[in-house]
Amino acid sequence: MNSPSPIVLAMTGASGSAYGLRLLEVLLGQGREVWLLISKAGRMVLKLEADLDVPARPEEMRAFFSALYDAPPEQLTVFGREDWLAPIASGSHPAGSMVVCPCTTGTLAAIAHGSSDDLLERAADVMLKERRRLILVLRETPLSVIHLQNMLTVAQAGATVLPANPGFYHRPQTVADVVDFVVARVLDHLEVEHDLLPRWGLEE
């Protein structure tokens, strides 16, 4: 049986870094191979919200997260902002899914208009043109008409717009429970098994 294809995870400067961190933790815990991109603003938000001093250099970042989540280093690959020779810059790469979590409205706009000014934007553009799975976990409120139009544009192009809007019917008791609700929905769309919360109608 072939191994599952790598999952591309990009984290931008939107508030909600906990969603991206938890998603990375679960994917690595499931033994999935992850190709990671974190923007400069994303690293700033990780410091502000999670008190994590994430290194800027890709190899140092890989060592940092591998140690943080006790994952084999070969399970995680980190790419820089302008690493144009990275596999994800081309449609020939084997990754079948990409998630931007959290996703800023600026990143949404760049993807909607195909600007491809950095590797993250190019990777997302590749996913759309190759008709592969692209999930944008937007974290912004309220939304302007420009945001809504860009959301419609990427959805029409084939992306899944999955805003970080947690539900509360499972009666979350902690912030971690709220985070897990959103991450569980992302994992569902990635078709990755998880037990983060009970399935609707199947609760004991």
N, C-alpha and C. Protein backbone atom coordinates (compact mmCIF):
# COMPACT_ATOMS: atom_id res chain seq x y z
N MET A 1 0.84 -1.19 0.00
CA MET A 1 0.00 0.00 0.00
C MET A 1 0.88 1.24 0.00
N ASN A 2 0.56 2.22 -0.85
CA ASN A 2 1.33 3.44 -0.90
C ASN A 2 1.10 4.28 0.35
N SER A 3 2.14 5.03 0.76
CA SER A 3 2.01 5.92 1.90
C SER A 3 1.13 7.10 1.51
N PRO A 4 0.38 7.67 2.48
CA PRO A 4 -0.43 8.85 2.17
C PRO A 4 0.46 9.99 1.68
N SER A 5 -0.07 10.80 0.80
CA SER A 5 0.70 11.91 0.26
C SER A 5 0.93 12.97 1.33
N PRO A 6 1.99 13.76 1.21
CA PRO A 6 2.25 14.81 2.20
C PRO A 6 1.11 15.83 2.24
N ILE A 7 0.96 16.46 3.39
CA ILE A 7 -0.02 17.53 3.56
C ILE A 7 0.75 18.83 3.75
N VAL A 8 0.42 19.83 2.94
CA VAL A 8 1.05 21.14 3.06
C VAL A 8 0.26 21.95 4.08
N LEU A 9 0.95 22.48 5.08
CA LEU A 9 0.33 23.32 6.10
C LEU A 9 1.02 24.67 6.10
N ALA A 10 0.24 25.72 5.86
CA ALA A 10 0.78 27.08 5.89
C ALA A 10 0.11 27.86 7.02
N MET A 11 0.91 28.61 7.76
CA MET A 11 0.39 29.44 8.85
C MET A 11 0.75 30.89 8.56
N THR A 12 -0.25 31.75 8.56
CA THR A 12 -0.04 33.16 8.27
C THR A 12 -0.23 34.00 9.54
N GLY A 13 -0.28 35.32 9.38
CA GLY A 13 -0.30 36.21 10.53
C GLY A 13 -1.66 36.51 11.12
N ALA A 14 -2.68 35.75 10.77
CA ALA A 14 -3.99 35.94 11.39
C ALA A 14 -3.95 35.47 12.84
N SER A 15 -4.78 36.09 13.66
CA SER A 15 -4.94 35.57 15.02
C SER A 15 -5.56 34.18 14.93
N GLY A 16 -5.21 33.33 15.89
CA GLY A 16 -5.72 31.96 15.84
C GLY A 16 -4.61 30.95 15.57
N SER A 17 -3.39 31.30 16.01
CA SER A 17 -2.27 30.38 15.80
C SER A 17 -2.50 29.03 16.47
N ALA A 18 -3.34 29.01 17.50
CA ALA A 18 -3.62 27.75 18.20
C ALA A 18 -4.22 26.71 17.26
N TYR A 19 -4.99 27.17 16.28
CA TYR A 19 -5.58 26.23 15.31
C TYR A 19 -4.49 25.56 14.48
N GLY A 20 -3.55 26.35 13.99
CA GLY A 20 -2.48 25.79 13.18
C GLY A 20 -1.57 24.88 13.98
N LEU A 21 -1.27 25.28 15.21
CA LEU A 21 -0.40 24.46 16.06
C LEU A 21 -1.06 23.12 16.37
N ARG A 22 -2.32 23.16 16.71
CA ARG A 22 -3.02 21.92 17.06
C ARG A 22 -3.14 21.01 15.83
N LEU A 23 -3.39 21.60 14.67
CA LEU A 23 -3.47 20.81 13.45
C LEU A 23 -2.13 20.15 13.16
N LEU A 24 -1.04 20.89 13.31
CA LEU A 24 0.29 20.33 13.10
C LEU A 24 0.55 19.20 14.09
N GLU A 25 0.19 19.40 15.35
CA GLU A 25 0.40 18.38 16.38
C GLU A 25 -0.34 17.09 16.05
N VAL A 26 -1.60 17.21 15.63
CA VAL A 26 -2.40 16.02 15.34
C VAL A 26 -1.88 15.30 14.10
N LEU A 27 -1.53 16.05 13.07
CA LEU A 27 -1.03 15.42 11.84
C LEU A 27 0.27 14.66 12.10
N LEU A 28 1.18 15.29 12.85
CA LEU A 28 2.43 14.60 13.18
C LEU A 28 2.16 13.40 14.08
N GLY A 29 1.23 13.56 15.01
CA GLY A 29 0.88 12.45 15.90
C GLY A 29 0.27 11.27 15.17
N GLN A 30 -0.37 11.56 14.03
CA GLN A 30 -0.97 10.51 13.20
C GLN A 30 0.06 9.90 12.25
N GLY A 31 1.29 10.39 12.31
CA GLY A 31 2.33 9.85 11.45
C GLY A 31 2.30 10.40 10.04
N ARG A 32 1.55 11.48 9.82
CA ARG A 32 1.47 12.05 8.48
C ARG A 32 2.69 12.92 8.18
N GLU A 33 3.11 12.91 6.93
CA GLU A 33 4.20 13.77 6.50
C GLU A 33 3.65 15.16 6.25
N VAL A 34 4.30 16.17 6.82
CA VAL A 34 3.83 17.55 6.71
C VAL A 34 4.91 18.41 6.07
N TRP A 35 4.49 19.22 5.08
CA TRP A 35 5.35 20.23 4.48
C TRP A 35 4.86 21.57 5.00
N LEU A 36 5.71 22.27 5.74
CA LEU A 36 5.28 23.43 6.53
C LEU A 36 5.83 24.74 5.98
N LEU A 37 4.96 25.76 5.96
CA LEU A 37 5.36 27.12 5.64
C LEU A 37 4.78 28.04 6.71
N ILE A 38 5.59 28.92 7.27
CA ILE A 38 5.09 29.91 8.23
C ILE A 38 5.63 31.28 7.81
N SER A 39 4.74 32.22 7.63
CA SER A 39 5.15 33.56 7.22
C SER A 39 5.81 34.29 8.39
N LYS A 40 6.49 35.39 8.07
CA LYS A 40 7.12 36.20 9.11
C LYS A 40 6.08 36.70 10.11
N ALA A 41 4.95 37.17 9.59
CA ALA A 41 3.87 37.61 10.47
C ALA A 41 3.32 36.45 11.28
N GLY A 42 3.30 35.26 10.69
CA GLY A 42 2.84 34.07 11.41
C GLY A 42 3.73 33.77 12.60
N ARG A 43 5.05 33.93 12.44
CA ARG A 43 5.96 33.71 13.56
C ARG A 43 5.76 34.75 14.65
N MET A 44 5.45 35.98 14.25
CA MET A 44 5.18 37.03 15.22
C MET A 44 3.94 36.71 16.05
N VAL A 45 2.90 36.22 15.39
CA VAL A 45 1.67 35.87 16.09
C VAL A 45 1.89 34.67 17.01
N LEU A 46 2.70 33.71 16.59
CA LEU A 46 3.03 32.57 17.45
C LEU A 46 3.70 33.04 18.74
N LYS A 47 4.54 34.06 18.63
CA LYS A 47 5.18 34.62 19.82
C LYS A 47 4.15 35.31 20.71
N LEU A 48 3.26 36.09 20.09
CA LEU A 48 2.27 36.84 20.85
C LEU A 48 1.24 35.94 21.53
N GLU A 49 0.75 34.94 20.79
CA GLU A 49 -0.37 34.14 21.28
C GLU A 49 0.05 32.87 22.00
N ALA A 50 1.19 32.31 21.61
CA ALA A 50 1.60 31.02 22.19
C ALA A 50 2.94 31.09 22.91
N ASP A 51 3.56 32.28 22.92
CA ASP A 51 4.85 32.48 23.56
C ASP A 51 5.90 31.51 23.01
N LEU A 52 5.85 31.30 21.69
CA LEU A 52 6.81 30.42 21.03
C LEU A 52 7.76 31.26 20.17
N ASP A 53 9.06 31.12 20.43
CA ASP A 53 10.08 31.78 19.61
C ASP A 53 10.48 30.83 18.49
N VAL A 54 9.72 30.86 17.42
CA VAL A 54 9.97 29.94 16.31
C VAL A 54 11.10 30.47 15.44
N PRO A 55 12.14 29.69 15.21
CA PRO A 55 13.26 30.14 14.37
C PRO A 55 12.81 30.44 12.95
N ALA A 56 13.51 31.35 12.29
CA ALA A 56 13.16 31.72 10.92
C ALA A 56 13.75 30.76 9.89
N ARG A 57 14.93 30.22 10.18
CA ARG A 57 15.59 29.33 9.21
C ARG A 57 14.85 27.99 9.13
N PRO A 58 14.58 27.51 7.92
CA PRO A 58 13.80 26.28 7.75
C PRO A 58 14.32 25.08 8.53
N GLU A 59 15.63 24.81 8.50
CA GLU A 59 16.15 23.64 9.20
C GLU A 59 16.00 23.79 10.71
N GLU A 60 16.19 25.01 11.22
CA GLU A 60 16.02 25.24 12.64
C GLU A 60 14.55 25.15 13.05
N MET A 61 13.67 25.61 12.16
CA MET A 61 12.24 25.50 12.43
C MET A 61 11.81 24.04 12.46
N ARG A 62 12.36 23.25 11.55
CA ARG A 62 12.02 21.82 11.53
C ARG A 62 12.46 21.16 12.82
N ALA A 63 13.67 21.45 13.28
CA ALA A 63 14.16 20.88 14.52
C ALA A 63 13.31 21.33 15.70
N PHE A 64 12.88 22.59 15.68
CA PHE A 64 12.06 23.16 16.76
C PHE A 64 10.74 22.40 16.90
N PHE A 65 10.00 22.26 15.80
CA PHE A 65 8.69 21.61 15.88
C PHE A 65 8.81 20.09 16.03
N SER A 66 9.85 19.50 15.50
CA SER A 66 10.05 18.06 15.70
C SER A 66 10.26 17.76 17.17
N ALA A 67 11.03 18.62 17.84
CA ALA A 67 11.27 18.44 19.28
C ALA A 67 10.00 18.76 20.08
N LEU A 68 9.29 19.81 19.68
CA LEU A 68 8.08 20.22 20.41
C LEU A 68 7.03 19.13 20.42
N TYR A 69 6.87 18.43 19.28
CA TYR A 69 5.82 17.42 19.16
C TYR A 69 6.38 16.00 19.12
N ASP A 70 7.65 15.85 19.46
CA ASP A 70 8.28 14.53 19.55
C ASP A 70 8.05 13.72 18.28
N ALA A 71 8.34 14.35 17.14
CA ALA A 71 8.15 13.71 15.85
C ALA A 71 9.49 13.46 15.18
N PRO A 72 9.62 12.39 14.41
CA PRO A 72 10.86 12.17 13.66
C PRO A 72 11.13 13.33 12.72
N PRO A 73 12.35 13.83 12.65
CA PRO A 73 12.66 14.98 11.79
C PRO A 73 12.27 14.75 10.33
N GLU A 74 12.40 13.50 9.86
CA GLU A 74 12.09 13.24 8.45
C GLU A 74 10.59 13.34 8.15
N GLN A 75 9.77 13.43 9.19
CA GLN A 75 8.32 13.53 8.99
C GLN A 75 7.90 14.96 8.64
N LEU A 76 8.79 15.92 8.90
CA LEU A 76 8.47 17.33 8.72
C LEU A 76 9.49 18.00 7.80
N THR A 77 9.00 18.72 6.81
CA THR A 77 9.84 19.51 5.93
C THR A 77 9.36 20.96 5.99
N VAL A 78 10.31 21.89 6.14
CA VAL A 78 9.96 23.31 6.23
C VAL A 78 10.56 24.03 5.02
N PHE A 79 9.75 24.90 4.40
CA PHE A 79 10.21 25.67 3.26
C PHE A 79 10.22 27.15 3.58
N GLY A 80 11.16 27.87 2.99
CA GLY A 80 11.26 29.31 3.17
C GLY A 80 10.34 30.06 2.22
N ARG A 81 10.17 31.36 2.50
CA ARG A 81 9.24 32.19 1.75
C ARG A 81 9.56 32.25 0.26
N GLU A 82 10.83 32.23 -0.11
CA GLU A 82 11.22 32.36 -1.51
C GLU A 82 11.99 31.14 -2.00
N ASP A 83 11.64 29.99 -1.48
CA ASP A 83 12.29 28.74 -1.89
C ASP A 83 11.60 28.24 -3.16
N TRP A 84 11.92 28.88 -4.28
CA TRP A 84 11.22 28.59 -5.53
C TRP A 84 11.56 27.22 -6.10
N LEU A 85 12.59 26.56 -5.56
CA LEU A 85 12.92 25.21 -6.02
C LEU A 85 12.21 24.14 -5.19
N ALA A 86 11.38 24.56 -4.24
CA ALA A 86 10.62 23.60 -3.43
C ALA A 86 9.62 22.85 -4.31
N PRO A 87 9.33 21.59 -3.99
CA PRO A 87 8.40 20.80 -4.81
C PRO A 87 7.04 21.46 -4.98
N ILE A 88 6.58 22.16 -3.93
CA ILE A 88 5.22 22.72 -3.97
C ILE A 88 5.10 23.91 -4.92
N ALA A 89 6.21 24.35 -5.51
CA ALA A 89 6.15 25.42 -6.50
C ALA A 89 5.74 24.89 -7.87
N SER A 90 5.59 23.57 -7.99
CA SER A 90 5.26 22.95 -9.27
C SER A 90 4.10 21.97 -9.12
N GLY A 91 3.34 21.83 -10.16
CA GLY A 91 2.23 20.88 -10.14
C GLY A 91 2.67 19.43 -10.15
N SER A 92 3.96 19.18 -10.31
CA SER A 92 4.45 17.81 -10.33
C SER A 92 4.68 17.23 -8.94
N HIS A 93 4.49 18.04 -7.91
CA HIS A 93 4.74 17.55 -6.55
C HIS A 93 3.66 16.55 -6.13
N PRO A 94 3.97 15.69 -5.13
CA PRO A 94 3.02 14.65 -4.76
C PRO A 94 1.98 15.04 -3.71
N ALA A 95 2.09 16.23 -3.13
CA ALA A 95 1.14 16.60 -2.07
C ALA A 95 -0.27 16.71 -2.63
N GLY A 96 -1.21 16.08 -1.94
CA GLY A 96 -2.59 16.09 -2.43
C GLY A 96 -3.48 17.10 -1.75
N SER A 97 -3.00 17.70 -0.64
CA SER A 97 -3.82 18.62 0.12
C SER A 97 -2.97 19.75 0.67
N MET A 98 -3.58 20.93 0.78
CA MET A 98 -2.94 22.08 1.40
C MET A 98 -3.94 22.79 2.29
N VAL A 99 -3.49 23.18 3.48
CA VAL A 99 -4.33 23.94 4.41
C VAL A 99 -3.60 25.22 4.79
N VAL A 100 -4.29 26.35 4.72
CA VAL A 100 -3.76 27.60 5.25
C VAL A 100 -4.52 27.86 6.54
N CYS A 101 -3.83 27.73 7.67
CA CYS A 101 -4.48 27.74 8.98
C CYS A 101 -3.57 28.36 10.05
N PRO A 102 -3.88 29.56 10.52
CA PRO A 102 -4.98 30.41 10.10
C PRO A 102 -4.63 31.16 8.82
N CYS A 103 -5.67 31.67 8.16
CA CYS A 103 -5.49 32.36 6.89
C CYS A 103 -5.92 33.82 7.04
N THR A 104 -5.03 34.75 6.72
CA THR A 104 -5.39 36.17 6.74
C THR A 104 -6.23 36.52 5.52
N THR A 105 -6.94 37.64 5.62
CA THR A 105 -7.70 38.10 4.45
C THR A 105 -6.74 38.57 3.35
N GLY A 106 -5.52 38.99 3.73
CA GLY A 106 -4.52 39.35 2.73
C GLY A 106 -4.09 38.15 1.92
N THR A 107 -3.85 37.03 2.61
CA THR A 107 -3.49 35.79 1.91
C THR A 107 -4.65 35.31 1.05
N LEU A 108 -5.87 35.42 1.59
CA LEU A 108 -7.06 35.07 0.81
C LEU A 108 -7.10 35.87 -0.49
N ALA A 109 -6.85 37.18 -0.40
CA ALA A 109 -6.89 38.04 -1.58
C ALA A 109 -5.82 37.63 -2.59
N ALA A 110 -4.61 37.34 -2.10
CA ALA A 110 -3.52 36.95 -3.00
C ALA A 110 -3.85 35.66 -3.72
N ILE A 111 -4.45 34.71 -3.01
CA ILE A 111 -4.81 33.44 -3.63
C ILE A 111 -5.95 33.64 -4.63
N ALA A 112 -6.91 34.47 -4.25
CA ALA A 112 -8.06 34.71 -5.12
C ALA A 112 -7.65 35.33 -6.45
N HIS A 113 -6.58 36.12 -6.43
CA HIS A 113 -6.17 36.83 -7.64
C HIS A 113 -4.90 36.24 -8.26
N GLY A 114 -4.43 35.10 -7.71
CA GLY A 114 -3.32 34.39 -8.34
C GLY A 114 -2.02 35.16 -8.40
N SER A 115 -1.73 35.96 -7.37
CA SER A 115 -0.54 36.82 -7.44
C SER A 115 0.77 36.02 -7.35
N SER A 116 0.79 34.97 -6.52
CA SER A 116 1.96 34.08 -6.41
C SER A 116 3.26 34.85 -6.15
N ASP A 117 3.21 35.82 -5.22
CA ASP A 117 4.39 36.63 -4.91
C ASP A 117 5.38 35.92 -3.99
N ASP A 118 4.95 34.86 -3.32
CA ASP A 118 5.85 34.07 -2.49
C ASP A 118 5.47 32.60 -2.62
N LEU A 119 6.22 31.73 -1.95
CA LEU A 119 6.01 30.29 -2.13
C LEU A 119 4.64 29.85 -1.62
N LEU A 120 4.18 30.46 -0.53
CA LEU A 120 2.87 30.09 0.01
C LEU A 120 1.78 30.36 -1.03
N GLU A 121 1.80 31.56 -1.59
CA GLU A 121 0.79 31.91 -2.58
C GLU A 121 0.90 31.04 -3.84
N ARG A 122 2.14 30.76 -4.25
CA ARG A 122 2.34 29.92 -5.42
C ARG A 122 1.85 28.50 -5.16
N ALA A 123 2.13 27.98 -3.97
CA ALA A 123 1.69 26.62 -3.64
C ALA A 123 0.17 26.52 -3.69
N ALA A 124 -0.52 27.54 -3.16
CA ALA A 124 -1.98 27.55 -3.19
C ALA A 124 -2.48 27.64 -4.63
N ASP A 125 -1.82 28.45 -5.44
CA ASP A 125 -2.18 28.59 -6.85
C ASP A 125 -2.03 27.26 -7.58
N VAL A 126 -0.96 26.53 -7.25
CA VAL A 126 -0.74 25.21 -7.85
C VAL A 126 -1.87 24.25 -7.47
N MET A 127 -2.27 24.28 -6.21
CA MET A 127 -3.34 23.37 -5.78
C MET A 127 -4.62 23.64 -6.56
N LEU A 128 -4.92 24.91 -6.79
CA LEU A 128 -6.13 25.24 -7.54
C LEU A 128 -6.03 24.81 -8.99
N LYS A 129 -4.89 25.10 -9.64
CA LYS A 129 -4.78 24.79 -11.06
C LYS A 129 -4.74 23.28 -11.32
N GLU A 130 -4.24 22.53 -10.32
CA GLU A 130 -4.16 21.07 -10.46
C GLU A 130 -5.41 20.37 -9.94
N ARG A 131 -6.40 21.17 -9.49
CA ARG A 131 -7.66 20.63 -8.96
C ARG A 131 -7.42 19.73 -7.75
N ARG A 132 -6.52 20.18 -6.87
CA ARG A 132 -6.27 19.44 -5.64
C ARG A 132 -6.92 20.15 -4.46
N ARG A 133 -6.90 19.50 -3.32
CA ARG A 133 -7.62 20.01 -2.15
C ARG A 133 -6.89 21.20 -1.53
N LEU A 134 -7.59 22.33 -1.43
CA LEU A 134 -7.07 23.53 -0.76
C LEU A 134 -8.11 24.01 0.25
N ILE A 135 -7.69 24.11 1.50
CA ILE A 135 -8.58 24.52 2.59
C ILE A 135 -8.05 25.80 3.20
N LEU A 136 -8.88 26.82 3.28
CA LEU A 136 -8.50 28.10 3.85
C LEU A 136 -9.27 28.31 5.15
N VAL A 137 -8.56 28.32 6.27
CA VAL A 137 -9.19 28.52 7.59
C VAL A 137 -9.10 30.01 7.90
N LEU A 138 -10.07 30.74 7.38
CA LEU A 138 -10.09 32.19 7.51
C LEU A 138 -10.39 32.60 8.96
N ARG A 139 -9.66 33.61 9.45
CA ARG A 139 -9.88 34.08 10.82
C ARG A 139 -9.96 35.60 10.78
N GLU A 140 -11.17 36.10 10.59
CA GLU A 140 -11.39 37.55 10.54
C GLU A 140 -12.84 37.84 10.85
N THR A 141 -13.10 38.97 11.48
CA THR A 141 -14.48 39.41 11.72
C THR A 141 -14.48 40.89 12.06
N PRO A 142 -15.44 41.67 11.57
CA PRO A 142 -16.43 41.29 10.56
C PRO A 142 -15.79 41.18 9.19
N LEU A 143 -16.58 40.74 8.23
CA LEU A 143 -16.08 40.56 6.86
C LEU A 143 -16.61 41.67 5.96
N SER A 144 -15.71 42.26 5.18
CA SER A 144 -16.13 43.29 4.24
C SER A 144 -16.63 42.65 2.95
N VAL A 145 -17.21 43.46 2.09
CA VAL A 145 -17.66 42.96 0.79
C VAL A 145 -16.47 42.42 0.00
N ILE A 146 -15.30 43.05 0.13
CA ILE A 146 -14.10 42.58 -0.56
C ILE A 146 -13.74 41.17 -0.09
N HIS A 147 -13.77 40.96 1.24
CA HIS A 147 -13.47 39.63 1.77
C HIS A 147 -14.45 38.59 1.23
N LEU A 148 -15.74 38.95 1.25
CA LEU A 148 -16.76 38.01 0.79
C LEU A 148 -16.61 37.69 -0.69
N GLN A 149 -16.27 38.69 -1.49
CA GLN A 149 -16.06 38.45 -2.91
C GLN A 149 -14.86 37.53 -3.14
N ASN A 150 -13.80 37.75 -2.37
CA ASN A 150 -12.61 36.89 -2.51
C ASN A 150 -12.91 35.46 -2.06
N MET A 151 -13.72 35.31 -1.02
CA MET A 151 -14.12 33.98 -0.58
C MET A 151 -14.90 33.27 -1.68
N LEU A 152 -15.81 34.01 -2.33
CA LEU A 152 -16.59 33.42 -3.42
C LEU A 152 -15.68 33.03 -4.58
N THR A 153 -14.69 33.88 -4.88
CA THR A 153 -13.78 33.61 -5.99
C THR A 153 -13.00 32.33 -5.76
N VAL A 154 -12.41 32.15 -4.57
CA VAL A 154 -11.62 30.94 -4.32
C VAL A 154 -12.51 29.71 -4.24
N ALA A 155 -13.73 29.88 -3.71
CA ALA A 155 -14.65 28.74 -3.65
C ALA A 155 -15.04 28.30 -5.06
N GLN A 156 -15.28 29.24 -5.94
CA GLN A 156 -15.62 28.91 -7.32
C GLN A 156 -14.44 28.26 -8.04
N ALA A 157 -13.22 28.59 -7.58
CA ALA A 157 -12.01 28.00 -8.18
C ALA A 157 -11.73 26.61 -7.63
N GLY A 158 -12.45 26.20 -6.59
CA GLY A 158 -12.29 24.84 -6.07
C GLY A 158 -11.81 24.73 -4.65
N ALA A 159 -11.50 25.85 -3.99
CA ALA A 159 -11.04 25.80 -2.61
C ALA A 159 -12.21 25.61 -1.65
N THR A 160 -11.90 25.11 -0.46
CA THR A 160 -12.87 25.02 0.62
C THR A 160 -12.58 26.16 1.59
N VAL A 161 -13.54 27.04 1.79
CA VAL A 161 -13.40 28.13 2.75
C VAL A 161 -14.00 27.64 4.06
N LEU A 162 -13.14 27.45 5.06
CA LEU A 162 -13.55 26.87 6.33
C LEU A 162 -13.20 27.87 7.45
N PRO A 163 -14.05 28.88 7.67
CA PRO A 163 -13.74 29.88 8.69
C PRO A 163 -13.61 29.25 10.07
N ALA A 164 -12.81 29.86 10.91
CA ALA A 164 -12.61 29.36 12.28
C ALA A 164 -13.80 29.74 13.14
N ASN A 165 -14.93 29.09 12.87
CA ASN A 165 -16.18 29.35 13.60
C ASN A 165 -16.57 28.12 14.40
N PRO A 166 -16.14 28.03 15.66
CA PRO A 166 -16.42 26.84 16.44
C PRO A 166 -17.89 26.72 16.82
N GLY A 167 -18.36 25.49 16.94
CA GLY A 167 -19.69 25.23 17.48
C GLY A 167 -19.61 25.00 18.98
N PHE A 168 -20.75 24.99 19.63
CA PHE A 168 -20.76 24.84 21.08
C PHE A 168 -21.74 23.78 21.57
N TYR A 169 -22.31 23.01 20.63
CA TYR A 169 -23.25 21.98 21.04
C TYR A 169 -22.56 20.84 21.78
N HIS A 170 -21.22 20.73 21.64
CA HIS A 170 -20.51 19.68 22.38
C HIS A 170 -20.08 20.17 23.77
N ARG A 171 -20.55 21.37 24.15
CA ARG A 171 -20.32 21.94 25.48
C ARG A 171 -18.83 21.99 25.85
N PRO A 172 -18.06 22.77 25.12
CA PRO A 172 -16.62 22.87 25.42
C PRO A 172 -16.39 23.45 26.81
N GLN A 173 -15.41 22.89 27.49
CA GLN A 173 -15.08 23.33 28.84
C GLN A 173 -13.80 24.16 28.89
N THR A 174 -13.00 24.08 27.83
CA THR A 174 -11.73 24.78 27.80
C THR A 174 -11.52 25.42 26.44
N VAL A 175 -10.53 26.31 26.35
CA VAL A 175 -10.16 26.88 25.05
C VAL A 175 -9.70 25.77 24.11
N ALA A 176 -9.00 24.78 24.65
CA ALA A 176 -8.53 23.66 23.84
C ALA A 176 -9.71 22.92 23.19
N ASP A 177 -10.82 22.80 23.90
CA ASP A 177 -12.00 22.16 23.33
C ASP A 177 -12.55 22.95 22.14
N VAL A 178 -12.54 24.27 22.27
CA VAL A 178 -13.02 25.14 21.18
C VAL A 178 -12.10 25.01 19.97
N VAL A 179 -10.79 25.00 20.21
CA VAL A 179 -9.82 24.85 19.13
C VAL A 179 -10.01 23.50 18.43
N ASP A 180 -10.20 22.46 19.21
CA ASP A 180 -10.34 21.12 18.64
C ASP A 180 -11.56 21.01 17.73
N PHE A 181 -12.61 21.78 18.01
CA PHE A 181 -13.79 21.73 17.15
C PHE A 181 -13.43 22.13 15.73
N VAL A 182 -12.71 23.23 15.59
CA VAL A 182 -12.33 23.71 14.26
C VAL A 182 -11.32 22.77 13.62
N VAL A 183 -10.34 22.33 14.38
CA VAL A 183 -9.32 21.42 13.84
C VAL A 183 -9.96 20.11 13.39
N ALA A 184 -10.95 19.65 14.12
CA ALA A 184 -11.65 18.42 13.73
C ALA A 184 -12.32 18.57 12.38
N ARG A 185 -12.90 19.74 12.11
CA ARG A 185 -13.54 19.96 10.82
C ARG A 185 -12.50 19.98 9.70
N VAL A 186 -11.34 20.57 9.98
CA VAL A 186 -10.27 20.56 8.98
C VAL A 186 -9.83 19.13 8.69
N LEU A 187 -9.64 18.34 9.74
CA LEU A 187 -9.21 16.95 9.57
C LEU A 187 -10.24 16.14 8.78
N ASP A 188 -11.52 16.43 9.02
CA ASP A 188 -12.58 15.75 8.26
C ASP A 188 -12.42 16.02 6.77
N HIS A 189 -12.14 17.27 6.42
CA HIS A 189 -12.01 17.61 5.02
C HIS A 189 -10.70 17.10 4.42
N LEU A 190 -9.72 16.85 5.27
CA LEU A 190 -8.48 16.22 4.82
C LEU A 190 -8.60 14.71 4.75
N GLU A 191 -9.72 14.18 5.26
CA GLU A 191 -9.95 12.74 5.34
C GLU A 191 -8.89 12.07 6.20
N VAL A 192 -8.59 12.72 7.32
CA VAL A 192 -7.66 12.18 8.31
C VAL A 192 -8.47 11.78 9.54
N GLU A 193 -8.34 10.54 9.96
CA GLU A 193 -9.08 10.04 11.12
C GLU A 193 -8.65 10.77 12.38
N HIS A 194 -9.61 10.97 13.29
CA HIS A 194 -9.32 11.63 14.56
C HIS A 194 -10.41 11.29 15.57
N ASP A 195 -10.12 11.59 16.83
CA ASP A 195 -11.12 11.41 17.88
C ASP A 195 -11.20 12.68 18.74
N LEU A 196 -11.10 13.82 18.09
CA LEU A 196 -11.08 15.08 18.83
C LEU A 196 -12.42 15.42 19.46
N LEU A 197 -13.51 14.98 18.84
CA LEU A 197 -14.83 15.21 19.44
C LEU A 197 -15.81 14.20 18.87
N PRO A 198 -16.91 13.94 19.60
CA PRO A 198 -17.88 12.94 19.14
C PRO A 198 -18.56 13.39 17.85
N ARG A 199 -18.96 12.41 17.04
CA ARG A 199 -19.71 12.69 15.82
C ARG A 199 -21.16 13.01 16.18
N TRP A 200 -21.74 13.96 15.47
CA TRP A 200 -23.13 14.33 15.69
C TRP A 200 -24.04 13.11 15.49
N GLY A 201 -24.88 12.85 16.46
CA GLY A 201 -25.81 11.73 16.39
C GLY A 201 -25.22 10.40 16.81
N LEU A 202 -23.89 10.39 17.07
CA LEU A 202 -23.24 9.14 17.48
C LEU A 202 -22.70 9.23 18.90
N GLU A 203 -23.03 10.32 19.60
CA GLU A 203 -22.54 10.48 20.98
C GLU A 203 -23.15 9.42 21.88
N GLU A 204 -22.38 9.00 22.87
CA GLU A 204 -22.93 8.06 23.85
C GLU A 204 -23.83 8.82 24.81
